[in-house]
Amino acid sequence: MIYDAAHTFGVSYNGKSLASYGDISTLSFHATKLFHTVEGGAIITNDDELAHKVSYMRNFGHKGQEDFWGLGINGKNSEFHAAMGLCNLPHLPEIIAARKQVSIWYDELLIGSGLVRPSLPEFTKYNFAYYPVVFPTETSLIKSRDHLSELGIFPRRYFYPSLSNLMYLEKKKIEIADRISSQVLCLPIYCDLTRNDVDKIVSIILSRYRFDLQKA
C-alpha cells in the first residue's frame, strides 16, 4: 500500500509517525509545505527490498556506471534543494510553534461564526500546516474567497475538487466527499502572520458571511 503523506511532516498519532503507515509513504517538500526544499519530496519505507528498488528507480535504474538494476527515472534532488532543506530543518520547532499560535488566534476569532473546523483525533501531534474551515454552502465560500482576493488576500481551495470529479478517474458517487470538498477553504497561515493580519482576515470573512446570511 502506498500512503499519501504529502502534508504530514512532523505529524503523529498515538506516538506513531503518519509516514510509517503503508508499505510506502510519500512526502512532498514543495515550497508550500511546512518543511520544504523548494521542490522535491521523499519516499519512506521500512522494507529493505522496496528501499533498494526505489534507490535505483530514482537514478535511471543504475547499478554503478555501466550496469542497471532495472527501469528508472532521473528523480534526484539537486545540491541546492538539499541545502535549502538543511537550512529549514533546524527552525521547524519555532515554525510549528508560530503556526500553532496563528491557528489559536483563528480559533478564538471564529467561535460562534458558524464556520466548522475539522477536529483532530485525540493523541494527535499536528504540524499546523493548514487551517481549513468548512462553509455552510459553496456559494458562501466563493463570495468570501472572492472578497478576500479583491483585497489582496488569497486563501486556497486545496482540497477541491474531490477525486471523484477528476476527468481521468472513473466517476463514483461519493456525496459527502463531494459536498465537503466544495465547502472547504484553507485560510492563510504561515509563521510570520501577525495577529493584526488574522484579525483583518476574519473580519473580512465574517462581514461578508454574516451579510449573506442576513440576505438569505
N, C-alpha and C. Protein backbone atom coordinates (compact mmCIF):
# COMPACT_ATOMS: atom_id res chain seq x y z
N MET A 1 0.84 -1.19 0.00
CA MET A 1 0.00 0.00 0.00
C MET A 1 0.88 1.25 0.00
N ILE A 2 0.62 2.14 -0.93
CA ILE A 2 1.34 3.41 -0.99
C ILE A 2 0.48 4.47 -0.32
N TYR A 3 1.01 5.11 0.72
CA TYR A 3 0.27 6.05 1.55
C TYR A 3 0.67 7.47 1.19
N ASP A 4 -0.32 8.29 0.84
CA ASP A 4 -0.06 9.69 0.52
C ASP A 4 0.09 10.48 1.82
N ALA A 5 1.34 10.77 2.18
CA ALA A 5 1.62 11.50 3.41
C ALA A 5 2.20 12.88 3.09
N ALA A 6 1.75 13.46 1.98
CA ALA A 6 2.35 14.69 1.45
C ALA A 6 2.40 15.82 2.48
N HIS A 7 1.35 15.93 3.32
CA HIS A 7 1.23 17.07 4.24
C HIS A 7 1.65 16.72 5.67
N THR A 8 2.19 15.54 5.90
CA THR A 8 2.25 15.02 7.26
C THR A 8 3.63 15.09 7.92
N PHE A 9 4.54 15.89 7.39
CA PHE A 9 5.86 16.01 8.01
C PHE A 9 5.70 16.50 9.45
N GLY A 10 6.18 15.70 10.41
CA GLY A 10 6.09 16.08 11.81
C GLY A 10 4.79 15.74 12.49
N VAL A 11 3.87 15.05 11.81
CA VAL A 11 2.58 14.69 12.40
C VAL A 11 2.62 13.25 12.89
N SER A 12 2.06 13.02 14.07
CA SER A 12 2.00 11.65 14.61
C SER A 12 0.64 11.40 15.24
N TYR A 13 0.29 10.13 15.35
CA TYR A 13 -0.94 9.72 16.02
C TYR A 13 -0.60 8.58 16.97
N ASN A 14 -0.97 8.76 18.24
CA ASN A 14 -0.63 7.78 19.27
C ASN A 14 0.87 7.51 19.31
N GLY A 15 1.65 8.56 19.09
CA GLY A 15 3.10 8.43 19.14
C GLY A 15 3.73 7.80 17.92
N LYS A 16 2.94 7.53 16.88
CA LYS A 16 3.44 6.88 15.67
C LYS A 16 3.37 7.85 14.51
N SER A 17 4.49 8.07 13.82
CA SER A 17 4.51 8.98 12.69
C SER A 17 3.52 8.54 11.61
N LEU A 18 2.79 9.49 11.05
CA LEU A 18 1.87 9.14 9.96
C LEU A 18 2.62 8.62 8.74
N ALA A 19 3.90 8.98 8.62
CA ALA A 19 4.70 8.48 7.50
C ALA A 19 5.03 7.00 7.63
N SER A 20 4.74 6.40 8.78
CA SER A 20 5.06 4.98 8.98
C SER A 20 3.90 4.07 8.61
N TYR A 21 2.79 4.66 8.16
CA TYR A 21 1.66 3.85 7.70
C TYR A 21 1.89 3.46 6.24
N GLY A 22 1.41 2.30 5.87
CA GLY A 22 1.58 1.85 4.50
C GLY A 22 2.93 1.21 4.28
N ASP A 23 3.05 0.46 3.18
CA ASP A 23 4.34 -0.12 2.82
C ASP A 23 5.30 0.98 2.37
N ILE A 24 4.74 1.98 1.72
CA ILE A 24 5.50 3.16 1.29
C ILE A 24 4.67 4.39 1.62
N SER A 25 5.30 5.42 2.18
CA SER A 25 4.65 6.71 2.37
C SER A 25 5.42 7.76 1.59
N THR A 26 4.70 8.67 0.95
CA THR A 26 5.35 9.71 0.15
C THR A 26 5.15 11.07 0.81
N LEU A 27 6.22 11.85 0.88
CA LEU A 27 6.19 13.20 1.43
C LEU A 27 6.47 14.21 0.33
N SER A 28 5.84 15.37 0.42
CA SER A 28 6.11 16.46 -0.50
C SER A 28 6.96 17.52 0.19
N PHE A 29 8.01 17.97 -0.49
CA PHE A 29 8.84 19.06 0.00
C PHE A 29 8.72 20.29 -0.88
N HIS A 30 7.54 20.44 -1.51
CA HIS A 30 7.27 21.62 -2.33
C HIS A 30 7.28 22.87 -1.46
N ALA A 31 7.52 24.03 -2.07
CA ALA A 31 7.70 25.28 -1.32
C ALA A 31 6.50 25.66 -0.47
N THR A 32 5.31 25.12 -0.77
CA THR A 32 4.12 25.45 0.02
C THR A 32 3.99 24.59 1.28
N LYS A 33 4.85 23.60 1.42
CA LYS A 33 4.74 22.68 2.56
C LYS A 33 5.45 23.23 3.79
N LEU A 34 5.07 22.68 4.95
CA LEU A 34 5.64 23.11 6.22
C LEU A 34 7.17 23.01 6.19
N PHE A 35 7.70 21.85 5.84
CA PHE A 35 9.13 21.67 5.59
C PHE A 35 9.33 21.55 4.10
N HIS A 36 10.21 22.35 3.54
CA HIS A 36 10.36 22.31 2.09
C HIS A 36 11.82 22.38 1.67
N THR A 37 12.06 21.92 0.45
CA THR A 37 13.37 22.04 -0.20
C THR A 37 13.19 22.76 -1.54
N VAL A 38 12.19 23.62 -1.62
CA VAL A 38 11.74 24.34 -2.82
C VAL A 38 10.94 23.40 -3.72
N GLU A 39 11.53 22.29 -4.12
CA GLU A 39 10.83 21.25 -4.87
C GLU A 39 11.32 19.90 -4.35
N GLY A 40 10.63 18.84 -4.75
CA GLY A 40 11.07 17.50 -4.39
C GLY A 40 10.20 16.86 -3.33
N GLY A 41 10.71 15.79 -2.76
CA GLY A 41 9.96 15.06 -1.76
C GLY A 41 10.77 13.88 -1.25
N ALA A 42 10.10 12.97 -0.58
CA ALA A 42 10.78 11.80 -0.03
C ALA A 42 9.85 10.60 -0.07
N ILE A 43 10.45 9.44 -0.11
CA ILE A 43 9.71 8.18 -0.01
C ILE A 43 10.18 7.46 1.25
N ILE A 44 9.24 7.09 2.10
CA ILE A 44 9.55 6.46 3.38
C ILE A 44 9.11 5.00 3.35
N THR A 45 10.00 4.10 3.74
CA THR A 45 9.64 2.69 3.84
C THR A 45 10.56 2.00 4.84
N ASN A 46 10.04 0.97 5.51
CA ASN A 46 10.84 0.13 6.41
C ASN A 46 11.20 -1.20 5.75
N ASP A 47 10.85 -1.33 4.48
CA ASP A 47 11.10 -2.56 3.74
C ASP A 47 12.41 -2.40 2.96
N ASP A 48 13.44 -3.17 3.30
CA ASP A 48 14.75 -3.04 2.66
C ASP A 48 14.68 -3.30 1.16
N GLU A 49 13.86 -4.25 0.75
CA GLU A 49 13.75 -4.57 -0.68
C GLU A 49 13.12 -3.41 -1.45
N LEU A 50 12.07 -2.82 -0.87
CA LEU A 50 11.45 -1.67 -1.51
C LEU A 50 12.39 -0.47 -1.54
N ALA A 51 13.13 -0.26 -0.44
CA ALA A 51 14.08 0.85 -0.38
C ALA A 51 15.14 0.71 -1.47
N HIS A 52 15.62 -0.52 -1.68
CA HIS A 52 16.61 -0.76 -2.73
C HIS A 52 16.01 -0.48 -4.10
N LYS A 53 14.79 -0.93 -4.32
CA LYS A 53 14.14 -0.71 -5.61
C LYS A 53 13.95 0.77 -5.89
N VAL A 54 13.51 1.52 -4.87
CA VAL A 54 13.31 2.96 -5.02
C VAL A 54 14.64 3.66 -5.31
N SER A 55 15.72 3.21 -4.64
CA SER A 55 17.02 3.87 -4.79
C SER A 55 17.53 3.81 -6.23
N TYR A 56 17.27 2.68 -6.92
CA TYR A 56 17.74 2.65 -8.32
C TYR A 56 16.70 3.21 -9.29
N MET A 57 15.43 3.14 -8.93
CA MET A 57 14.40 3.69 -9.82
C MET A 57 14.52 5.21 -9.94
N ARG A 58 15.00 5.89 -8.88
CA ARG A 58 15.14 7.34 -8.94
C ARG A 58 16.45 7.78 -9.59
N ASN A 59 17.30 6.82 -9.94
CA ASN A 59 18.61 7.13 -10.52
C ASN A 59 18.84 6.35 -11.81
N PHE A 60 17.89 6.48 -12.73
CA PHE A 60 17.96 5.87 -14.07
C PHE A 60 17.98 4.34 -14.05
N GLY A 61 17.84 3.73 -12.87
CA GLY A 61 17.97 2.28 -12.78
C GLY A 61 19.41 1.81 -12.68
N HIS A 62 20.34 2.76 -12.47
CA HIS A 62 21.77 2.43 -12.48
C HIS A 62 22.19 1.47 -11.36
N LYS A 63 23.11 0.59 -11.72
CA LYS A 63 23.88 -0.20 -10.76
C LYS A 63 25.34 0.08 -11.10
N GLY A 64 25.88 1.10 -10.44
CA GLY A 64 27.21 1.55 -10.84
C GLY A 64 27.12 2.35 -12.14
N GLN A 65 28.22 2.50 -12.83
CA GLN A 65 28.27 3.35 -14.02
C GLN A 65 27.91 2.62 -15.30
N GLU A 66 28.04 1.28 -15.31
CA GLU A 66 27.88 0.57 -16.58
C GLU A 66 26.90 -0.60 -16.50
N ASP A 67 26.11 -0.65 -15.45
CA ASP A 67 25.16 -1.74 -15.31
C ASP A 67 23.86 -1.18 -14.75
N PHE A 68 22.79 -1.96 -14.83
CA PHE A 68 21.48 -1.50 -14.39
C PHE A 68 20.80 -2.56 -13.56
N TRP A 69 20.08 -2.10 -12.54
CA TRP A 69 19.20 -2.98 -11.78
C TRP A 69 17.86 -3.14 -12.49
N GLY A 70 17.40 -2.07 -13.14
CA GLY A 70 16.09 -2.11 -13.80
C GLY A 70 15.69 -0.74 -14.30
N LEU A 71 14.42 -0.59 -14.61
CA LEU A 71 13.89 0.65 -15.16
C LEU A 71 13.94 1.77 -14.12
N GLY A 72 14.29 2.99 -14.56
CA GLY A 72 14.33 4.10 -13.62
C GLY A 72 14.17 5.43 -14.31
N ILE A 73 14.10 6.49 -13.50
CA ILE A 73 13.98 7.86 -14.00
C ILE A 73 15.05 8.71 -13.33
N ASN A 74 15.16 9.96 -13.75
CA ASN A 74 16.07 10.90 -13.09
C ASN A 74 15.25 11.65 -12.05
N GLY A 75 15.18 11.11 -10.84
CA GLY A 75 14.31 11.67 -9.81
C GLY A 75 15.08 12.16 -8.59
N LYS A 76 16.27 12.71 -8.81
CA LYS A 76 17.11 13.13 -7.69
C LYS A 76 16.94 14.63 -7.43
N ASN A 77 17.08 15.01 -6.16
CA ASN A 77 17.15 16.43 -5.81
C ASN A 77 18.55 16.97 -6.08
N SER A 78 18.63 18.26 -6.35
CA SER A 78 19.93 18.88 -6.57
C SER A 78 20.55 19.27 -5.23
N GLU A 79 21.83 19.67 -5.26
CA GLU A 79 22.51 20.13 -4.06
C GLU A 79 21.83 21.38 -3.50
N PHE A 80 21.32 22.23 -4.38
CA PHE A 80 20.63 23.44 -3.91
C PHE A 80 19.40 23.07 -3.09
N HIS A 81 18.61 22.11 -3.57
CA HIS A 81 17.41 21.71 -2.85
C HIS A 81 17.78 21.09 -1.50
N ALA A 82 18.83 20.28 -1.48
CA ALA A 82 19.28 19.69 -0.22
C ALA A 82 19.73 20.78 0.76
N ALA A 83 20.44 21.78 0.24
CA ALA A 83 20.91 22.88 1.10
C ALA A 83 19.73 23.65 1.69
N MET A 84 18.70 23.88 0.88
CA MET A 84 17.51 24.59 1.37
C MET A 84 16.85 23.80 2.50
N GLY A 85 16.75 22.48 2.32
CA GLY A 85 16.16 21.65 3.36
C GLY A 85 16.96 21.68 4.65
N LEU A 86 18.28 21.63 4.53
CA LEU A 86 19.15 21.67 5.71
C LEU A 86 19.06 23.02 6.43
N CYS A 87 18.84 24.09 5.66
CA CYS A 87 18.67 25.41 6.28
C CYS A 87 17.35 25.50 7.05
N ASN A 88 16.32 24.88 6.50
CA ASN A 88 14.99 24.96 7.12
C ASN A 88 14.83 24.05 8.34
N LEU A 89 15.46 22.89 8.29
CA LEU A 89 15.20 21.85 9.29
C LEU A 89 15.41 22.30 10.73
N PRO A 90 16.49 23.02 11.07
CA PRO A 90 16.68 23.40 12.48
C PRO A 90 15.61 24.36 13.01
N HIS A 91 14.91 25.05 12.11
CA HIS A 91 13.93 26.06 12.52
C HIS A 91 12.51 25.50 12.65
N LEU A 92 12.34 24.21 12.36
CA LEU A 92 10.99 23.64 12.36
C LEU A 92 10.25 23.79 13.68
N PRO A 93 10.87 23.54 14.83
CA PRO A 93 10.12 23.70 16.09
C PRO A 93 9.54 25.10 16.25
N GLU A 94 10.31 26.14 15.97
CA GLU A 94 9.80 27.51 16.13
C GLU A 94 8.77 27.84 15.05
N ILE A 95 8.95 27.27 13.85
CA ILE A 95 7.98 27.50 12.78
C ILE A 95 6.63 26.88 13.16
N ILE A 96 6.66 25.64 13.65
CA ILE A 96 5.42 24.97 14.05
C ILE A 96 4.76 25.71 15.21
N ALA A 97 5.57 26.17 16.18
CA ALA A 97 5.02 26.90 17.32
C ALA A 97 4.33 28.19 16.88
N ALA A 98 4.93 28.90 15.93
CA ALA A 98 4.34 30.15 15.43
C ALA A 98 3.05 29.87 14.67
N ARG A 99 3.02 28.81 13.88
CA ARG A 99 1.82 28.46 13.13
C ARG A 99 0.71 28.00 14.09
N LYS A 100 1.10 27.33 15.16
CA LYS A 100 0.12 26.93 16.17
C LYS A 100 -0.54 28.16 16.79
N GLN A 101 0.25 29.19 17.05
CA GLN A 101 -0.30 30.41 17.63
C GLN A 101 -1.29 31.08 16.67
N VAL A 102 -0.95 31.09 15.38
CA VAL A 102 -1.88 31.64 14.37
C VAL A 102 -3.17 30.84 14.37
N SER A 103 -3.07 29.53 14.45
CA SER A 103 -4.25 28.67 14.48
C SER A 103 -5.11 28.96 15.70
N ILE A 104 -4.47 29.19 16.85
CA ILE A 104 -5.21 29.53 18.07
C ILE A 104 -5.96 30.85 17.90
N TRP A 105 -5.31 31.85 17.28
CA TRP A 105 -5.98 33.13 17.03
C TRP A 105 -7.22 32.94 16.16
N TYR A 106 -7.08 32.17 15.10
CA TYR A 106 -8.24 31.89 14.24
C TYR A 106 -9.36 31.22 15.05
N ASP A 107 -8.98 30.22 15.83
CA ASP A 107 -9.98 29.50 16.63
C ASP A 107 -10.76 30.47 17.52
N GLU A 108 -10.05 31.36 18.19
CA GLU A 108 -10.69 32.30 19.11
C GLU A 108 -11.64 33.24 18.37
N LEU A 109 -11.21 33.72 17.23
CA LEU A 109 -11.99 34.72 16.49
C LEU A 109 -13.19 34.11 15.76
N LEU A 110 -13.12 32.84 15.47
CA LEU A 110 -14.20 32.20 14.70
C LEU A 110 -15.23 31.49 15.57
N ILE A 111 -15.07 31.57 16.90
CA ILE A 111 -16.07 30.97 17.79
C ILE A 111 -17.43 31.61 17.54
N GLY A 112 -18.44 30.78 17.34
CA GLY A 112 -19.79 31.28 17.12
C GLY A 112 -20.07 31.79 15.72
N SER A 113 -19.09 31.65 14.82
CA SER A 113 -19.27 32.19 13.46
C SER A 113 -20.15 31.29 12.59
N GLY A 114 -20.26 30.02 12.94
CA GLY A 114 -20.99 29.08 12.09
C GLY A 114 -20.07 28.34 11.13
N LEU A 115 -18.82 28.78 11.03
CA LEU A 115 -17.85 28.06 10.21
C LEU A 115 -17.33 26.88 11.03
N VAL A 116 -17.18 25.74 10.37
CA VAL A 116 -16.81 24.50 11.07
C VAL A 116 -15.34 24.18 10.83
N ARG A 117 -14.65 23.79 11.90
CA ARG A 117 -13.26 23.36 11.81
C ARG A 117 -13.20 21.84 11.91
N PRO A 118 -12.47 21.17 11.02
CA PRO A 118 -12.27 19.73 11.21
C PRO A 118 -11.59 19.48 12.55
N SER A 119 -12.05 18.47 13.26
CA SER A 119 -11.48 18.18 14.57
C SER A 119 -10.35 17.16 14.43
N LEU A 120 -9.37 17.25 15.32
CA LEU A 120 -8.26 16.31 15.33
C LEU A 120 -8.56 15.17 16.30
N PRO A 121 -8.23 13.95 15.92
CA PRO A 121 -8.40 12.84 16.86
C PRO A 121 -7.52 13.04 18.09
N GLU A 122 -7.97 12.51 19.22
CA GLU A 122 -7.16 12.58 20.44
C GLU A 122 -5.82 11.90 20.23
N PHE A 123 -4.79 12.39 20.89
CA PHE A 123 -3.44 11.86 20.82
C PHE A 123 -2.76 12.12 19.47
N THR A 124 -3.24 13.18 18.77
CA THR A 124 -2.60 13.56 17.51
C THR A 124 -1.65 14.73 17.74
N LYS A 125 -0.43 14.61 17.25
CA LYS A 125 0.53 15.71 17.24
C LYS A 125 0.49 16.33 15.86
N TYR A 126 -0.04 17.56 15.78
CA TYR A 126 -0.31 18.20 14.49
C TYR A 126 0.82 19.16 14.14
N ASN A 127 1.03 19.40 12.83
CA ASN A 127 2.08 20.32 12.40
C ASN A 127 1.56 21.69 11.99
N PHE A 128 0.24 21.89 12.04
CA PHE A 128 -0.39 23.18 11.73
C PHE A 128 -0.01 23.66 10.32
N ALA A 129 0.02 22.70 9.40
CA ALA A 129 0.36 23.02 8.02
C ALA A 129 -0.74 23.82 7.33
N TYR A 130 -2.00 23.58 7.71
CA TYR A 130 -3.13 24.25 7.06
C TYR A 130 -4.16 24.66 8.11
N TYR A 131 -5.00 25.62 7.71
CA TYR A 131 -6.13 26.00 8.57
C TYR A 131 -7.40 25.96 7.71
N PRO A 132 -8.00 24.77 7.58
CA PRO A 132 -9.21 24.64 6.77
C PRO A 132 -10.47 24.97 7.57
N VAL A 133 -11.41 25.63 6.93
CA VAL A 133 -12.73 25.86 7.52
C VAL A 133 -13.78 25.41 6.52
N VAL A 134 -14.89 24.91 7.05
CA VAL A 134 -15.98 24.43 6.21
C VAL A 134 -17.12 25.45 6.25
N PHE A 135 -17.45 26.01 5.10
CA PHE A 135 -18.55 26.96 4.97
C PHE A 135 -19.87 26.19 4.86
N PRO A 136 -20.99 26.84 5.18
CA PRO A 136 -22.28 26.14 5.10
C PRO A 136 -22.68 25.80 3.67
N THR A 137 -22.22 26.60 2.70
CA THR A 137 -22.53 26.34 1.29
C THR A 137 -21.32 26.73 0.45
N GLU A 138 -21.26 26.20 -0.76
CA GLU A 138 -20.19 26.59 -1.68
C GLU A 138 -20.34 28.06 -2.09
N THR A 139 -21.58 28.53 -2.19
CA THR A 139 -21.82 29.93 -2.56
C THR A 139 -21.21 30.89 -1.55
N SER A 140 -21.42 30.61 -0.26
CA SER A 140 -20.86 31.49 0.78
C SER A 140 -19.33 31.43 0.77
N LEU A 141 -18.78 30.27 0.48
CA LEU A 141 -17.32 30.14 0.38
C LEU A 141 -16.78 31.00 -0.76
N ILE A 142 -17.39 30.89 -1.92
CA ILE A 142 -16.90 31.61 -3.09
C ILE A 142 -16.99 33.12 -2.88
N LYS A 143 -18.07 33.59 -2.27
CA LYS A 143 -18.21 35.02 -2.02
C LYS A 143 -17.14 35.52 -1.07
N SER A 144 -16.84 34.75 -0.01
CA SER A 144 -15.80 35.14 0.94
C SER A 144 -14.43 35.09 0.29
N ARG A 145 -14.17 34.04 -0.46
CA ARG A 145 -12.87 33.93 -1.15
C ARG A 145 -12.65 35.09 -2.11
N ASP A 146 -13.67 35.41 -2.90
CA ASP A 146 -13.54 36.48 -3.88
C ASP A 146 -13.36 37.83 -3.20
N HIS A 147 -14.05 38.04 -2.08
CA HIS A 147 -13.92 39.30 -1.36
C HIS A 147 -12.50 39.45 -0.79
N LEU A 148 -11.95 38.36 -0.25
CA LEU A 148 -10.58 38.39 0.24
C LEU A 148 -9.59 38.65 -0.89
N SER A 149 -9.81 37.99 -2.02
CA SER A 149 -8.91 38.14 -3.16
C SER A 149 -8.89 39.58 -3.68
N GLU A 150 -10.06 40.21 -3.67
CA GLU A 150 -10.14 41.61 -4.11
C GLU A 150 -9.27 42.52 -3.24
N LEU A 151 -9.04 42.11 -2.00
CA LEU A 151 -8.26 42.91 -1.06
C LEU A 151 -6.82 42.40 -0.93
N GLY A 152 -6.41 41.54 -1.87
CA GLY A 152 -5.03 41.06 -1.88
C GLY A 152 -4.72 39.94 -0.91
N ILE A 153 -5.75 39.24 -0.45
CA ILE A 153 -5.59 38.10 0.46
C ILE A 153 -6.07 36.86 -0.27
N PHE A 154 -5.23 35.83 -0.34
CA PHE A 154 -5.54 34.72 -1.23
C PHE A 154 -5.60 33.38 -0.50
N PRO A 155 -6.79 33.02 0.00
CA PRO A 155 -6.98 31.68 0.56
C PRO A 155 -7.01 30.66 -0.58
N ARG A 156 -6.93 29.38 -0.24
CA ARG A 156 -6.87 28.35 -1.28
C ARG A 156 -7.90 27.25 -1.04
N ARG A 157 -8.43 26.74 -2.12
CA ARG A 157 -9.30 25.57 -2.05
C ARG A 157 -8.44 24.33 -2.30
N TYR A 158 -7.58 24.01 -1.33
CA TYR A 158 -6.60 22.96 -1.51
C TYR A 158 -7.23 21.59 -1.77
N PHE A 159 -8.39 21.35 -1.20
CA PHE A 159 -8.96 20.00 -1.25
C PHE A 159 -10.16 19.93 -2.20
N TYR A 160 -10.11 20.74 -3.24
CA TYR A 160 -11.16 20.81 -4.24
C TYR A 160 -10.53 20.69 -5.63
N PRO A 161 -11.15 19.97 -6.56
CA PRO A 161 -12.37 19.17 -6.40
C PRO A 161 -12.05 17.83 -5.75
N SER A 162 -13.10 17.11 -5.37
CA SER A 162 -12.89 15.78 -4.82
C SER A 162 -12.41 14.86 -5.94
N LEU A 163 -11.76 13.78 -5.55
CA LEU A 163 -11.17 12.87 -6.54
C LEU A 163 -12.20 12.32 -7.51
N SER A 164 -13.45 12.22 -7.08
CA SER A 164 -14.49 11.65 -7.94
C SER A 164 -14.75 12.52 -9.16
N ASN A 165 -14.28 13.77 -9.13
CA ASN A 165 -14.54 14.68 -10.24
C ASN A 165 -13.36 14.85 -11.19
N LEU A 166 -12.27 14.11 -10.95
CA LEU A 166 -11.14 14.20 -11.86
C LEU A 166 -11.43 13.43 -13.14
N MET A 167 -11.09 14.04 -14.26
CA MET A 167 -11.52 13.51 -15.56
C MET A 167 -10.93 12.14 -15.89
N TYR A 168 -9.77 11.83 -15.30
CA TYR A 168 -9.10 10.59 -15.67
C TYR A 168 -9.44 9.43 -14.74
N LEU A 169 -10.37 9.64 -13.79
CA LEU A 169 -10.80 8.58 -12.90
C LEU A 169 -12.25 8.21 -13.17
N GLU A 170 -12.58 6.97 -12.90
CA GLU A 170 -13.95 6.51 -13.06
C GLU A 170 -14.85 7.26 -12.08
N LYS A 171 -15.95 7.76 -12.58
CA LYS A 171 -16.87 8.53 -11.75
C LYS A 171 -17.53 7.63 -10.69
N LYS A 172 -17.47 8.09 -9.45
CA LYS A 172 -18.12 7.40 -8.34
C LYS A 172 -19.00 8.38 -7.60
N LYS A 173 -20.08 7.91 -7.04
CA LYS A 173 -20.97 8.77 -6.29
C LYS A 173 -20.54 8.76 -4.83
N ILE A 174 -19.87 9.83 -4.41
CA ILE A 174 -19.43 9.96 -3.01
C ILE A 174 -19.93 11.33 -2.51
N GLU A 175 -21.19 11.36 -2.13
CA GLU A 175 -21.89 12.61 -1.87
C GLU A 175 -21.24 13.44 -0.76
N ILE A 176 -20.82 12.79 0.32
CA ILE A 176 -20.26 13.54 1.45
C ILE A 176 -18.94 14.19 1.05
N ALA A 177 -18.05 13.40 0.42
CA ALA A 177 -16.76 13.95 -0.01
C ALA A 177 -16.95 15.08 -1.03
N ASP A 178 -17.85 14.89 -1.97
CA ASP A 178 -18.12 15.93 -2.97
C ASP A 178 -18.61 17.21 -2.31
N ARG A 179 -19.53 17.06 -1.36
CA ARG A 179 -20.11 18.25 -0.70
C ARG A 179 -19.06 18.96 0.14
N ILE A 180 -18.34 18.20 0.97
CA ILE A 180 -17.37 18.83 1.87
C ILE A 180 -16.25 19.49 1.07
N SER A 181 -15.76 18.83 0.02
CA SER A 181 -14.66 19.40 -0.75
C SER A 181 -15.05 20.72 -1.38
N SER A 182 -16.33 20.88 -1.70
CA SER A 182 -16.79 22.13 -2.32
C SER A 182 -16.98 23.25 -1.31
N GLN A 183 -16.94 22.91 -0.01
CA GLN A 183 -17.20 23.90 1.04
C GLN A 183 -15.98 24.21 1.91
N VAL A 184 -14.83 23.58 1.61
CA VAL A 184 -13.63 23.77 2.42
C VAL A 184 -12.73 24.84 1.82
N LEU A 185 -12.34 25.78 2.65
CA LEU A 185 -11.41 26.84 2.25
C LEU A 185 -10.27 26.88 3.28
N CYS A 186 -9.04 26.89 2.81
CA CYS A 186 -7.88 27.00 3.69
C CYS A 186 -7.50 28.47 3.83
N LEU A 187 -7.56 28.97 5.04
CA LEU A 187 -7.21 30.37 5.30
C LEU A 187 -5.69 30.52 5.37
N PRO A 188 -5.18 31.71 5.09
CA PRO A 188 -3.73 31.93 5.13
C PRO A 188 -3.15 31.56 6.49
N ILE A 189 -2.05 30.84 6.48
CA ILE A 189 -1.34 30.52 7.73
C ILE A 189 0.14 30.34 7.40
N TYR A 190 0.96 31.13 8.06
CA TYR A 190 2.41 30.98 7.96
C TYR A 190 3.03 31.60 9.20
N CYS A 191 4.30 31.31 9.44
CA CYS A 191 4.87 31.61 10.76
C CYS A 191 4.99 33.11 11.04
N ASP A 192 5.03 33.97 10.01
CA ASP A 192 5.17 35.41 10.22
C ASP A 192 3.83 36.16 10.17
N LEU A 193 2.74 35.44 10.07
CA LEU A 193 1.43 36.08 10.04
C LEU A 193 1.14 36.71 11.41
N THR A 194 0.78 37.98 11.41
CA THR A 194 0.59 38.70 12.67
C THR A 194 -0.85 38.60 13.16
N ARG A 195 -1.05 38.96 14.43
CA ARG A 195 -2.40 38.98 14.99
C ARG A 195 -3.28 39.99 14.24
N ASN A 196 -2.72 41.12 13.87
CA ASN A 196 -3.48 42.12 13.12
C ASN A 196 -3.93 41.57 11.77
N ASP A 197 -3.06 40.80 11.13
CA ASP A 197 -3.42 40.18 9.85
C ASP A 197 -4.57 39.20 10.03
N VAL A 198 -4.48 38.37 11.08
CA VAL A 198 -5.53 37.39 11.34
C VAL A 198 -6.84 38.10 11.66
N ASP A 199 -6.78 39.16 12.47
CA ASP A 199 -7.99 39.94 12.78
C ASP A 199 -8.64 40.46 11.49
N LYS A 200 -7.81 40.95 10.58
CA LYS A 200 -8.33 41.51 9.33
C LYS A 200 -8.98 40.43 8.48
N ILE A 201 -8.31 39.29 8.35
CA ILE A 201 -8.84 38.19 7.53
C ILE A 201 -10.20 37.73 8.05
N VAL A 202 -10.27 37.51 9.36
CA VAL A 202 -11.53 37.03 9.96
C VAL A 202 -12.61 38.10 9.84
N SER A 203 -12.26 39.34 10.06
CA SER A 203 -13.24 40.44 9.96
C SER A 203 -13.84 40.51 8.56
N ILE A 204 -13.00 40.36 7.54
CA ILE A 204 -13.48 40.39 6.16
C ILE A 204 -14.42 39.23 5.88
N ILE A 205 -14.03 38.03 6.33
CA ILE A 205 -14.88 36.85 6.11
C ILE A 205 -16.23 37.00 6.80
N LEU A 206 -16.20 37.41 8.07
CA LEU A 206 -17.44 37.46 8.84
C LEU A 206 -18.36 38.59 8.39
N SER A 207 -17.79 39.70 7.93
CA SER A 207 -18.64 40.79 7.45
C SER A 207 -19.41 40.35 6.22
N ARG A 208 -18.76 39.67 5.30
CA ARG A 208 -19.43 39.19 4.10
C ARG A 208 -20.31 37.98 4.38
N TYR A 209 -19.80 37.08 5.22
CA TYR A 209 -20.52 35.84 5.52
C TYR A 209 -21.82 36.13 6.26
N ARG A 210 -21.76 36.96 7.29
CA ARG A 210 -22.96 37.28 8.06
C ARG A 210 -23.94 38.12 7.25
N PHE A 211 -23.41 38.98 6.38
CA PHE A 211 -24.27 39.76 5.50
C PHE A 211 -25.06 38.85 4.59
N ASP A 212 -24.38 37.81 4.07
CA ASP A 212 -25.06 36.85 3.18
C ASP A 212 -26.15 36.10 3.94
N LEU A 213 -25.87 35.76 5.21
CA LEU A 213 -26.88 35.06 6.00
C LEU A 213 -28.11 35.93 6.20
N GLN A 214 -27.89 37.22 6.46
CA GLN A 214 -29.00 38.14 6.68
C GLN A 214 -29.84 38.28 5.42
N LYS A 215 -29.17 38.33 4.26
CA LYS A 215 -29.90 38.43 3.00
C LYS A 215 -30.73 37.18 2.74
N ALA A 216 -30.14 36.02 3.12
CA ALA A 216 -30.85 34.77 2.91
C ALA A 216 -32.09 34.69 3.79
